[in-house]
Amino acid sequence: MLTSLPVELIFKIFSVLDWRTLLVCREICRLFRSIAEGDRAQYDIELAVSGMMDGPPSPLTTSDRLALLKGRNAAWESLKWVESKDIPMMQGHIWELYGDVFAQSSTPDVLHFRQLPSTYRKIEEKSWNMALDIHVRDFTMDPAQDLLVLIEQPPTVLLNPSATTRSIRIHLRSLTTGDSHRLAPRPAILVHDLDVRNARATYTLQVCGNLLGVLFMSPEDADPELTIWNWTTGKVILTRSSSEIATFAFLSSRFLLVGSIFDPEALNIQARLYVFDLTQPSNETSGLAADCFCAFMWPEFNFWTSPVTFSIRSDPSPVWQPNPEARLPFSTAPGDRLIIVTACLVYNGHVAYYDMFVSAGTLLSHIAALPTEVSSHEIDWDEWGPTGTRLMRSLSHSSPWVCYVFGTKFVSLVATQTSPQTLEIRDFNQLALKRDAKVQDGIIDHVRDTTVIRRVFANEVHTSLPYRVIQRTLPPRSSTEPFFAAVMCSEDNLILVDSSQRHLRILTF
């Protein structure tokens, strides 16, 4: 009897259905198909398949947004950028790319920001500079929250030679003005007492909503230190100091992922991804296994394999959303996204990089299935790895330029030493794979077979997470120009890096 209702009422009912139900309704009858193939329903379906969410109200109609979204998807699926622009690489040594804002330093106290444009999301390019009253050692930012996090360069000489710690000052500023952030505590500075052996520490910073994580690493004998703050209150949520800590990333606003390749009590080397529940009280322990929520186990390494470094990359943060004042027609949804875990290994005297691609949803689904009455679970590799990940040898790897993932996309240069070079995207969007869109002028290969890794691990490792490959050959360059060394990815842009000539090429979609 549903079809006897007024059409206006049926439209109203369809407007509150989720995209999966719309796809089912489309197969019921001609009337439902005609409604489900309207712009509103098609826009909802296209958003879901694209991993996007609708933006706030604006003069753009649903039909306008649908056309822009389809155009954007077609451009990415064929790697047809709309604009190419070269910008200089500054003389400073620190930079950041986050939320379509690229920033770099010219001197230790001057930062240069560039809002990257987008044709399909109607974002205009703009740039601004910021002269600071401190020397900056490292920084990160979150444009959606107008947040700039600055680590002040610590003094090279200790005022007290007998001191065992030195204070690291972390400033919380406005990204647009450089003033103290309006949501930060007063004063807008977090202070962390760091082991003096960490005098030459390097820093890894990540923001996830009101959480700020900083990993302090040192080439000296000091253990790495990881601290998570609620930056709006200044309260420490979690802190760890352990030789086991190699890397970290926010899995969600509740769960923290900490990577480790070293266990002092284990006979055989086996990498682990520890998960910590940030809603539970934190005990300051030196180890990771003591009070972690669970641990995802990697396959055991071969006796002749020595892991050197371990890193986790995933952008944007799990809760990231654009500033609503930008009134963008659509943006990346804060749902599922790709996590890339990279291991640098030495095997038989040779250095090799291996990338493991896994969906955040895969890890979270295993966490949700764990019984709550038991803590510190170990999830064996066979339970989550073979079908939930793709582990493969990395053909090219650039350590400094690490922003090679955004959403479900991983970008790389297939050939860095030959001309012409080939740009490649591996897209792990499983819904797009299922729809199997056919795109003209693009080289799309759906990879569903099994990748087998031999000899590096104690046993053969088989992984089979599906993905699709999109490639485009870059225009040939003249013989006097060097090759691009790396490529980075944001929501609307690819950035080719030419370190020799010190310039960047921005490809805009």
Protein backbone atom coordinates (compact mmCIF):
# COMPACT_ATOMS: atom_id res chain seq x y z
CA MET A 1 0.00 0.00 0.00
CA LEU A 2 3.02 2.27 0.23
CA THR A 3 2.78 3.16 -3.45
CA SER A 4 -0.73 4.55 -2.91
CA LEU A 5 0.62 7.35 -0.74
CA PRO A 6 1.06 10.82 -2.24
CA VAL A 7 4.33 11.06 -4.14
CA GLU A 8 5.40 14.00 -1.96
CA LEU A 9 5.13 11.80 1.12
CA ILE A 10 7.12 8.99 -0.53
CA PHE A 11 9.83 11.53 -1.36
CA LYS A 12 9.86 12.58 2.30
CA ILE A 13 10.24 8.96 3.42
CA PHE A 14 13.07 8.36 0.95
CA SER A 15 14.87 11.49 2.16
CA VAL A 16 15.54 9.91 5.57
CA LEU A 17 16.65 6.50 4.27
CA ASP A 18 20.29 5.52 4.33
CA TRP A 19 22.04 4.83 1.03
CA ARG A 20 21.98 1.04 1.42
CA THR A 21 18.19 1.07 1.82
CA LEU A 22 17.90 3.38 -1.19
CA LEU A 23 19.74 0.83 -3.30
CA VAL A 24 17.28 -1.87 -2.18
CA CYS A 25 14.25 0.33 -2.80
CA ARG A 26 15.47 1.04 -6.31
CA GLU A 27 14.92 -2.63 -7.19
CA ILE A 28 11.33 -2.88 -5.91
CA CYS A 29 9.28 -1.16 -8.59
CA ARG A 30 9.42 1.49 -11.31
CA LEU A 31 8.04 4.22 -9.04
CA PHE A 32 10.65 3.57 -6.36
CA ARG A 33 13.37 3.37 -9.01
CA SER A 34 12.40 6.76 -10.42
CA ILE A 35 12.54 8.31 -6.94
CA ALA A 36 15.80 6.55 -6.01
CA GLU A 37 17.37 7.79 -9.23
CA GLY A 38 16.52 11.41 -8.42
CA ASP A 39 19.26 13.88 -7.53
CA ARG A 40 18.71 13.73 -3.77
CA ALA A 41 18.98 9.95 -3.54
CA GLN A 42 21.79 9.78 -6.08
CA TYR A 43 23.72 12.42 -4.15
CA ASP A 44 23.40 10.42 -0.91
CA ILE A 45 24.60 7.27 -2.67
CA GLU A 46 27.49 9.09 -4.36
CA LEU A 47 28.55 10.60 -1.02
CA ALA A 48 28.61 7.17 0.64
CA VAL A 49 30.52 5.45 -2.14
CA SER A 50 33.01 8.33 -2.23
CA GLY A 51 33.59 8.30 1.52
CA MET A 52 32.32 11.88 1.72
CA MET A 53 29.71 13.76 3.76
CA ASP A 54 27.41 16.61 2.84
CA GLY A 55 28.34 20.16 3.76
CA PRO A 56 26.27 22.89 5.43
CA PRO A 57 23.52 24.76 3.53
CA SER A 58 24.73 27.12 0.82
CA PRO A 59 23.46 28.58 -2.47
CA LEU A 60 24.54 25.32 -4.16
CA THR A 61 21.56 23.03 -4.82
CA THR A 62 21.58 19.26 -4.50
CA SER A 63 21.92 19.00 -8.27
CA ASP A 64 24.92 21.36 -8.17
CA ARG A 65 26.61 19.33 -5.45
CA LEU A 66 25.95 16.04 -7.24
CA ALA A 67 27.50 17.39 -10.44
CA LEU A 68 30.55 18.70 -8.57
CA LEU A 69 31.01 15.45 -6.66
CA LYS A 70 30.76 13.32 -9.81
CA GLY A 71 33.20 15.63 -11.56
CA ARG A 72 35.63 15.42 -8.68
CA ASN A 73 35.45 11.63 -8.52
CA ALA A 74 35.97 11.30 -12.26
CA ALA A 75 38.99 13.61 -12.08
CA TRP A 76 40.65 11.62 -9.30
CA GLU A 77 39.81 8.27 -10.95
CA SER A 78 41.60 9.36 -14.11
CA LEU A 79 44.21 11.59 -12.42
CA LYS A 80 43.10 14.57 -14.49
CA TRP A 81 44.00 17.59 -12.41
CA VAL A 82 42.56 20.96 -13.35
CA GLU A 83 45.54 23.17 -12.58
CA SER A 84 49.30 22.81 -12.09
CA LYS A 85 51.36 25.41 -10.25
CA ASP A 86 54.98 25.58 -9.06
CA ILE A 87 55.90 27.24 -5.78
CA PRO A 88 59.36 27.65 -4.20
CA MET A 89 60.60 25.50 -1.34
CA MET A 90 61.65 27.76 1.54
CA GLN A 91 65.08 27.66 3.13
CA GLY A 92 63.75 26.51 6.49
CA HIS A 93 63.84 22.90 7.60
CA ILE A 94 60.31 22.32 8.89
CA TRP A 95 57.01 21.97 7.05
CA GLU A 96 53.51 20.53 7.44
CA LEU A 97 50.59 19.54 5.22
CA TYR A 98 47.20 19.15 6.85
CA GLY A 99 43.61 19.90 5.93
CA ASP A 100 44.55 21.38 2.53
CA VAL A 101 46.92 23.85 4.18
CA PHE A 102 50.62 23.61 3.36
CA ALA A 103 53.06 25.40 5.66
CA GLN A 104 56.83 25.79 5.64
CA SER A 105 59.45 27.87 7.41
CA SER A 106 61.91 30.34 5.92
CA THR A 107 63.66 31.03 9.23
CA PRO A 108 63.19 29.49 12.71
CA ASP A 109 60.74 32.27 13.62
CA VAL A 110 58.80 32.80 10.36
CA LEU A 111 56.18 30.42 8.94
CA HIS A 112 54.50 30.67 5.53
CA PHE A 113 51.02 29.20 5.05
CA ARG A 114 49.16 28.41 1.84
CA GLN A 115 45.51 27.36 1.64
CA LEU A 116 45.52 24.98 -1.31
CA PRO A 117 42.70 25.54 -3.81
CA SER A 118 40.01 23.19 -5.10
CA THR A 119 38.03 23.54 -8.29
CA TYR A 120 35.32 21.04 -7.40
CA ARG A 121 34.89 22.11 -3.76
CA LYS A 122 35.04 25.84 -4.52
CA ILE A 123 38.08 26.63 -2.36
CA GLU A 124 40.10 29.70 -3.28
CA GLU A 125 43.85 29.76 -2.82
CA LYS A 126 45.24 32.18 -0.25
CA SER A 127 48.52 32.60 1.59
CA TRP A 128 49.72 34.35 4.72
CA ASN A 129 52.94 34.66 6.74
CA MET A 130 53.49 34.62 10.47
CA ALA A 131 56.43 36.17 12.31
CA LEU A 132 56.72 34.52 15.71
CA ASP A 133 58.27 35.57 19.00
CA ILE A 134 59.97 32.17 19.47
CA HIS A 135 62.27 29.90 17.49
CA VAL A 136 60.25 26.89 16.32
CA ARG A 137 61.75 23.39 16.44
CA ASP A 138 58.66 21.63 15.02
CA PHE A 139 54.94 22.25 14.59
CA THR A 140 51.59 20.89 13.48
CA MET A 141 48.19 22.43 12.82
CA ASP A 142 44.46 21.82 12.48
CA PRO A 143 42.83 24.41 10.20
CA ALA A 144 39.32 23.31 11.19
CA GLN A 145 40.02 24.39 14.78
CA ASP A 146 42.24 27.35 13.80
CA LEU A 147 44.95 25.56 15.81
CA LEU A 148 48.71 25.94 15.46
CA VAL A 149 50.90 23.85 17.78
CA LEU A 150 54.51 25.04 18.08
CA ILE A 151 57.38 23.31 19.87
CA GLU A 152 59.83 25.97 21.00
CA GLN A 153 63.49 25.31 20.29
CA PRO A 154 64.94 24.38 23.71
CA PRO A 155 68.14 26.07 24.88
CA THR A 156 71.31 24.24 23.89
CA VAL A 157 72.92 24.80 27.29
CA LEU A 158 71.28 23.79 30.56
CA LEU A 159 71.14 26.52 33.18
CA ASN A 160 71.58 23.84 35.85
CA PRO A 161 74.33 21.36 34.82
CA SER A 162 73.16 18.84 37.44
CA ALA A 163 69.57 18.78 36.12
CA THR A 164 68.19 15.45 34.88
CA THR A 165 65.38 16.97 32.81
CA ARG A 166 64.81 19.98 30.61
CA SER A 167 61.50 21.71 30.00
CA ILE A 168 60.01 21.57 26.52
CA ARG A 169 57.48 24.35 25.87
CA ILE A 170 54.58 23.64 23.50
CA HIS A 171 52.66 26.75 22.39
CA LEU A 172 48.98 26.65 21.41
CA ARG A 173 48.28 29.45 18.94
CA SER A 174 45.70 30.60 16.41
CA LEU A 175 46.58 29.47 12.89
CA THR A 176 45.31 32.70 11.38
CA THR A 177 46.65 35.30 13.84
CA GLY A 178 49.46 33.67 15.82
CA ASP A 179 47.85 34.75 19.10
CA SER A 180 47.06 32.38 21.95
CA HIS A 181 44.28 29.98 20.95
CA ARG A 182 40.93 30.95 22.42
CA LEU A 183 40.23 27.38 23.70
CA ALA A 184 43.68 26.82 25.21
CA PRO A 185 44.40 27.15 28.94
CA ARG A 186 46.07 30.32 30.24
CA PRO A 187 48.91 30.63 29.59
CA ALA A 188 48.50 28.78 26.29
CA ILE A 189 51.63 26.69 26.84
CA LEU A 190 52.06 23.01 27.69
CA VAL A 191 55.31 22.14 29.48
CA HIS A 192 56.89 18.70 29.26
CA ASP A 193 59.94 17.71 31.32
CA LEU A 194 62.17 15.70 29.03
CA ASP A 195 65.16 13.51 29.92
CA VAL A 196 68.33 15.56 29.33
CA ARG A 197 69.70 12.69 27.23
CA ASN A 198 66.95 13.68 24.76
CA ALA A 199 68.80 16.94 24.12
CA ARG A 200 68.66 16.39 20.35
CA ALA A 201 65.14 15.01 20.32
CA THR A 202 62.97 14.84 17.23
CA TYR A 203 59.21 15.19 17.53
CA THR A 204 56.12 13.61 16.03
CA LEU A 205 52.94 15.62 16.63
CA GLN A 206 49.31 14.70 15.94
CA VAL A 207 46.01 16.39 16.74
CA CYS A 208 42.70 14.57 17.08
CA GLY A 209 39.93 16.94 18.15
CA ASN A 210 40.80 18.12 21.67
CA LEU A 211 43.66 15.60 21.93
CA LEU A 212 47.30 16.39 21.20
CA GLY A 213 49.92 13.66 21.02
CA VAL A 214 53.68 14.23 20.97
CA LEU A 215 56.32 11.53 20.60
CA PHE A 216 59.79 12.60 21.73
CA MET A 217 62.54 10.53 20.06
CA SER A 218 66.29 10.79 20.60
CA PRO A 219 69.36 9.35 18.85
CA GLU A 220 70.95 9.10 22.30
CA ASP A 221 70.34 6.39 24.89
CA ALA A 222 67.18 7.95 26.30
CA ASP A 223 63.92 6.04 25.86
CA PRO A 224 61.25 7.52 23.58
CA GLU A 225 58.56 9.41 25.48
CA LEU A 226 54.92 9.61 24.38
CA THR A 227 52.46 12.04 25.96
CA ILE A 228 48.80 12.69 25.13
CA TRP A 229 47.16 15.91 26.37
CA ASN A 230 43.71 17.36 26.31
CA TRP A 231 45.07 20.57 24.87
CA THR A 232 41.96 22.58 25.79
CA THR A 233 42.47 21.90 29.51
CA GLY A 234 46.20 21.16 29.66
CA LYS A 235 45.51 17.82 31.37
CA VAL A 236 47.77 14.84 30.60
CA ILE A 237 45.67 11.88 29.42
CA LEU A 238 48.45 9.33 28.94
CA THR A 239 52.22 9.29 29.20
CA ARG A 240 54.72 6.52 28.47
CA SER A 241 58.49 6.26 28.37
CA SER A 242 59.74 2.99 26.90
CA SER A 243 62.30 1.64 24.48
CA GLU A 244 59.44 -0.28 22.86
CA ILE A 245 57.74 2.86 21.47
CA ALA A 246 58.45 3.43 17.78
CA THR A 247 55.41 5.31 16.47
CA PHE A 248 51.80 6.23 17.24
CA ALA A 249 48.53 7.34 15.66
CA PHE A 250 44.99 8.07 16.81
CA LEU A 251 42.73 5.19 15.81
CA SER A 252 39.66 7.05 17.09
CA SER A 253 38.92 9.69 19.71
CA ARG A 254 38.95 6.85 22.23
CA PHE A 255 41.69 4.48 21.06
CA LEU A 256 45.38 5.21 20.52
CA LEU A 257 47.58 3.01 18.31
CA VAL A 258 51.24 2.58 19.39
CA GLY A 259 53.65 0.65 17.19
CA SER A 260 56.54 -1.40 18.58
CA ILE A 261 59.24 -3.57 17.03
CA PHE A 262 61.19 -4.25 20.20
CA ASP A 263 60.23 -6.43 23.15
CA PRO A 264 63.00 -6.90 25.72
CA GLU A 265 61.37 -10.09 27.06
CA ALA A 266 60.78 -11.83 23.70
CA LEU A 267 63.20 -14.31 22.12
CA ASN A 268 61.88 -13.74 18.60
CA ILE A 269 61.22 -10.31 17.13
CA GLN A 270 57.54 -9.69 16.43
CA ALA A 271 56.14 -6.24 15.72
CA ARG A 272 53.00 -5.20 17.57
CA LEU A 273 50.34 -2.53 17.28
CA TYR A 274 49.31 -1.78 20.86
CA VAL A 275 45.91 -0.19 21.48
CA PHE A 276 45.32 2.07 24.49
CA ASP A 277 41.91 3.16 25.75
CA LEU A 278 42.18 6.89 26.43
CA THR A 279 39.00 6.87 28.53
CA GLN A 280 40.65 4.63 31.16
CA PRO A 281 42.98 5.85 33.91
CA SER A 282 46.62 5.77 32.81
CA ASN A 283 49.38 4.23 34.89
CA GLU A 284 52.85 5.61 34.19
CA THR A 285 54.53 2.30 33.38
CA SER A 286 57.71 1.74 31.43
CA GLY A 287 56.30 -1.08 29.30
CA LEU A 288 53.43 -1.14 26.83
CA ALA A 289 51.85 -4.54 27.45
CA ALA A 290 51.01 -3.89 31.11
CA ASP A 291 47.83 -1.85 30.68
CA CYS A 292 47.13 -1.72 26.95
CA PHE A 293 43.60 -2.56 25.84
CA CYS A 294 44.81 -5.06 23.24
CA ALA A 295 47.64 -5.69 20.78
CA PHE A 296 47.50 -6.61 17.09
CA MET A 297 50.35 -9.02 16.41
CA TRP A 298 52.42 -8.94 13.23
CA PRO A 299 53.82 -12.15 11.78
CA GLU A 300 57.08 -13.20 13.39
CA PHE A 301 60.25 -12.02 11.65
CA ASN A 302 62.85 -14.38 10.25
CA PHE A 303 65.93 -14.97 12.40
CA TRP A 304 68.06 -13.07 9.83
CA THR A 305 65.70 -10.08 9.65
CA SER A 306 66.37 -7.02 11.80
CA PRO A 307 63.70 -4.29 11.96
CA VAL A 308 65.20 -0.80 12.04
CA THR A 309 62.28 1.66 12.01
CA PHE A 310 58.51 1.44 12.30
CA SER A 311 56.02 4.18 11.40
CA ILE A 312 52.25 4.70 11.18
CA ARG A 313 50.65 7.21 8.80
CA SER A 314 46.96 8.08 8.47
CA ASP A 315 45.36 11.38 7.47
CA PRO A 316 43.16 13.12 8.35
CA SER A 317 42.48 12.48 12.04
CA PRO A 318 39.51 10.23 12.92
CA VAL A 319 37.29 13.15 13.99
CA TRP A 320 38.54 15.80 11.58
CA GLN A 321 35.95 17.97 9.87
CA PRO A 322 36.37 21.20 7.90
CA ASN A 323 35.53 24.53 9.43
CA PRO A 324 31.74 24.96 8.95
CA GLU A 325 32.31 28.64 8.12
CA ALA A 326 33.99 27.51 4.88
CA ARG A 327 30.57 26.19 3.75
CA LEU A 328 32.11 23.50 1.55
CA PRO A 329 29.63 21.48 -0.53
CA PHE A 330 31.09 18.18 0.73
CA SER A 331 34.18 16.85 2.48
CA THR A 332 35.84 13.62 3.56
CA ALA A 333 33.68 11.80 6.10
CA PRO A 334 35.24 11.04 9.50
CA GLY A 335 34.50 7.34 9.08
CA ASP A 336 36.74 4.70 7.61
CA ARG A 337 40.22 5.59 6.42
CA LEU A 338 43.47 3.95 5.45
CA ILE A 339 46.30 3.28 7.90
CA ILE A 340 49.76 2.58 6.51
CA VAL A 341 52.32 0.89 8.73
CA THR A 342 55.82 1.00 7.25
CA ALA A 343 58.66 -1.19 8.49
CA CYS A 344 62.28 -0.62 7.48
CA LEU A 345 64.04 -3.99 7.62
CA VAL A 346 67.58 -5.25 7.16
CA TYR A 347 67.61 -8.72 5.60
CA ASN A 348 70.89 -10.41 4.64
CA GLY A 349 72.65 -7.05 4.72
CA HIS A 350 70.11 -5.31 2.46
CA VAL A 351 67.72 -2.55 3.54
CA ALA A 352 64.10 -2.88 2.39
CA TYR A 353 60.83 -1.12 3.23
CA TYR A 354 57.52 -2.96 3.61
CA ASP A 355 54.13 -1.22 3.72
CA MET A 356 51.11 -2.73 5.44
CA PHE A 357 47.77 -1.24 4.35
CA VAL A 358 44.87 -1.74 6.73
CA SER A 359 41.51 -0.07 7.20
CA ALA A 360 40.85 1.68 10.51
CA GLY A 361 37.45 -0.02 10.42
CA THR A 362 39.13 -3.43 10.37
CA LEU A 363 41.02 -2.71 13.59
CA LEU A 364 38.01 -1.11 15.28
CA SER A 365 35.73 -4.04 14.40
CA HIS A 366 38.15 -6.49 16.05
CA ILE A 367 38.38 -4.23 19.10
CA ALA A 368 34.57 -4.05 19.35
CA ALA A 369 34.34 -7.85 19.24
CA LEU A 370 36.65 -8.36 22.24
CA PRO A 371 35.10 -9.45 25.55
CA THR A 372 35.09 -6.57 28.02
CA GLU A 373 35.82 -8.67 31.09
CA VAL A 374 39.36 -9.52 29.98
CA SER A 375 42.05 -6.90 29.45
CA SER A 376 45.25 -6.84 27.39
CA HIS A 377 44.15 -9.18 24.60
CA GLU A 378 46.62 -10.34 21.97
CA ILE A 379 45.00 -10.59 18.55
CA ASP A 380 47.03 -13.06 16.50
CA TRP A 381 48.05 -12.19 12.96
CA ASP A 382 45.93 -15.01 11.49
CA GLU A 383 42.80 -13.45 13.02
CA TRP A 384 43.12 -10.02 11.39
CA GLY A 385 45.99 -9.88 8.91
CA PRO A 386 45.56 -12.25 5.94
CA THR A 387 42.20 -10.91 4.70
CA GLY A 388 42.12 -7.54 6.47
CA THR A 389 45.44 -6.13 5.25
CA ARG A 390 47.72 -5.88 2.24
CA LEU A 391 51.45 -6.23 3.04
CA MET A 392 53.85 -5.53 0.19
CA ARG A 393 57.36 -4.42 -0.62
CA SER A 394 57.62 -0.64 -1.02
CA LEU A 395 59.06 0.18 -4.44
CA SER A 396 59.92 3.75 -3.50
CA HIS A 397 60.09 5.40 -0.12
CA SER A 398 60.80 8.97 0.95
CA SER A 399 61.38 9.40 4.66
CA PRO A 400 61.11 13.22 4.89
CA TRP A 401 57.97 13.66 2.74
CA VAL A 402 55.58 11.41 4.64
CA CYS A 403 52.16 12.87 3.75
CA TYR A 404 51.48 10.14 1.17
CA VAL A 405 48.07 9.06 2.45
CA PHE A 406 44.71 10.81 2.69
CA GLY A 407 41.39 9.08 3.34
CA THR A 408 41.62 5.74 1.52
CA LYS A 409 44.25 6.86 -1.02
CA PHE A 410 47.98 6.16 -1.03
CA VAL A 411 50.06 8.06 -3.58
CA SER A 412 53.57 7.30 -4.86
CA LEU A 413 55.93 7.74 -7.78
CA VAL A 414 56.41 4.37 -9.42
CA ALA A 415 59.69 5.32 -11.11
CA THR A 416 61.91 8.04 -9.67
CA GLN A 417 65.00 7.42 -11.78
CA THR A 418 63.55 7.13 -15.29
CA SER A 419 61.74 9.50 -17.61
CA PRO A 420 58.87 9.94 -17.93
CA GLN A 421 57.85 9.29 -14.34
CA THR A 422 54.58 7.57 -13.42
CA LEU A 423 52.23 8.81 -10.73
CA GLU A 424 50.28 6.05 -8.96
CA ILE A 425 47.39 5.98 -6.53
CA ARG A 426 46.36 2.84 -4.66
CA ASP A 427 42.78 3.36 -3.51
CA PHE A 428 41.48 1.05 -0.78
CA ASN A 429 37.89 2.38 -0.91
CA GLN A 430 36.00 -0.91 -0.73
CA LEU A 431 32.61 0.56 -1.73
CA ALA A 432 34.10 2.09 -4.86
CA LEU A 433 35.65 -1.27 -5.66
CA LYS A 434 32.26 -2.95 -5.37
CA ARG A 435 30.66 -0.46 -7.67
CA ASP A 436 33.57 -0.98 -10.05
CA ALA A 437 33.17 2.32 -11.83
CA LYS A 438 34.50 2.38 -15.38
CA VAL A 439 36.50 5.51 -16.00
CA GLN A 440 37.74 6.56 -19.41
CA ASP A 441 41.31 7.72 -19.97
CA GLY A 442 42.46 6.23 -16.68
CA ILE A 443 44.45 3.06 -16.07
CA ILE A 444 42.43 1.28 -13.41
CA ASP A 445 43.41 -2.17 -12.26
CA HIS A 446 41.45 -3.92 -9.55
CA VAL A 447 43.83 -6.05 -7.46
CA ARG A 448 42.10 -8.93 -5.73
CA ASP A 449 44.74 -11.65 -5.80
CA THR A 450 46.99 -12.59 -2.88
CA THR A 451 50.34 -10.97 -2.15
CA VAL A 452 52.93 -13.44 -0.83
CA ILE A 453 55.98 -12.33 1.18
CA ARG A 454 58.73 -14.93 1.49
CA ARG A 455 61.95 -15.22 3.54
CA VAL A 456 61.59 -11.93 5.46
CA PHE A 457 59.26 -13.51 8.02
CA ALA A 458 59.54 -16.87 9.76
CA ASN A 459 56.74 -18.19 7.55
CA GLU A 460 55.22 -17.13 4.25
CA VAL A 461 52.85 -14.20 4.72
CA HIS A 462 49.70 -14.05 2.58
CA THR A 463 47.52 -10.89 2.45
CA SER A 464 44.60 -10.05 0.15
CA LEU A 465 42.86 -6.74 1.01
CA PRO A 466 41.49 -5.56 -2.39
CA TYR A 467 42.46 -2.21 -3.88
CA ARG A 468 42.51 -0.45 -7.22
CA VAL A 469 45.45 1.14 -8.98
CA ILE A 470 45.22 4.42 -10.89
CA GLN A 471 48.25 5.56 -12.88
CA ARG A 472 49.17 8.50 -15.06
CA THR A 473 52.44 9.25 -16.78
CA LEU A 474 53.77 12.71 -16.00
CA PRO A 475 54.70 14.97 -18.91
CA PRO A 476 58.34 14.44 -19.98
CA ARG A 477 60.80 16.85 -18.45
CA SER A 478 63.80 18.42 -20.15
CA SER A 479 67.23 16.87 -19.70
CA THR A 480 68.35 19.77 -17.51
CA GLU A 481 65.63 19.26 -14.94
CA PRO A 482 65.99 16.70 -12.11
CA PHE A 483 63.33 14.15 -11.31
CA PHE A 484 60.68 14.53 -8.64
CA ALA A 485 61.78 12.73 -5.50
CA ALA A 486 58.41 12.31 -3.77
CA VAL A 487 54.70 13.06 -3.95
CA MET A 488 52.26 14.07 -1.22
CA CYS A 489 48.47 13.94 -1.06
CA SER A 490 45.81 16.16 0.49
CA GLU A 491 42.04 16.23 0.06
CA ASP A 492 42.11 18.21 -3.18
CA ASN A 493 45.73 18.28 -4.28
CA LEU A 494 48.83 16.29 -5.10
CA ILE A 495 52.20 17.91 -4.38
CA LEU A 496 55.26 16.80 -6.33
CA VAL A 497 58.54 17.43 -4.50
CA ASP A 498 61.72 18.45 -6.30
CA SER A 499 64.34 18.68 -3.54
CA SER A 500 67.29 19.36 -5.88
CA GLN A 501 65.84 22.47 -7.48
CA ARG A 502 63.90 23.21 -4.26
CA HIS A 503 60.45 23.68 -5.71
CA LEU A 504 57.06 22.05 -5.32
CA ARG A 505 54.48 21.39 -8.03
CA ILE A 506 50.87 21.57 -6.84
CA LEU A 507 48.32 19.59 -8.88
CA THR A 508 44.80 20.77 -8.08
CA PHE A 509 41.53 18.86 -8.50
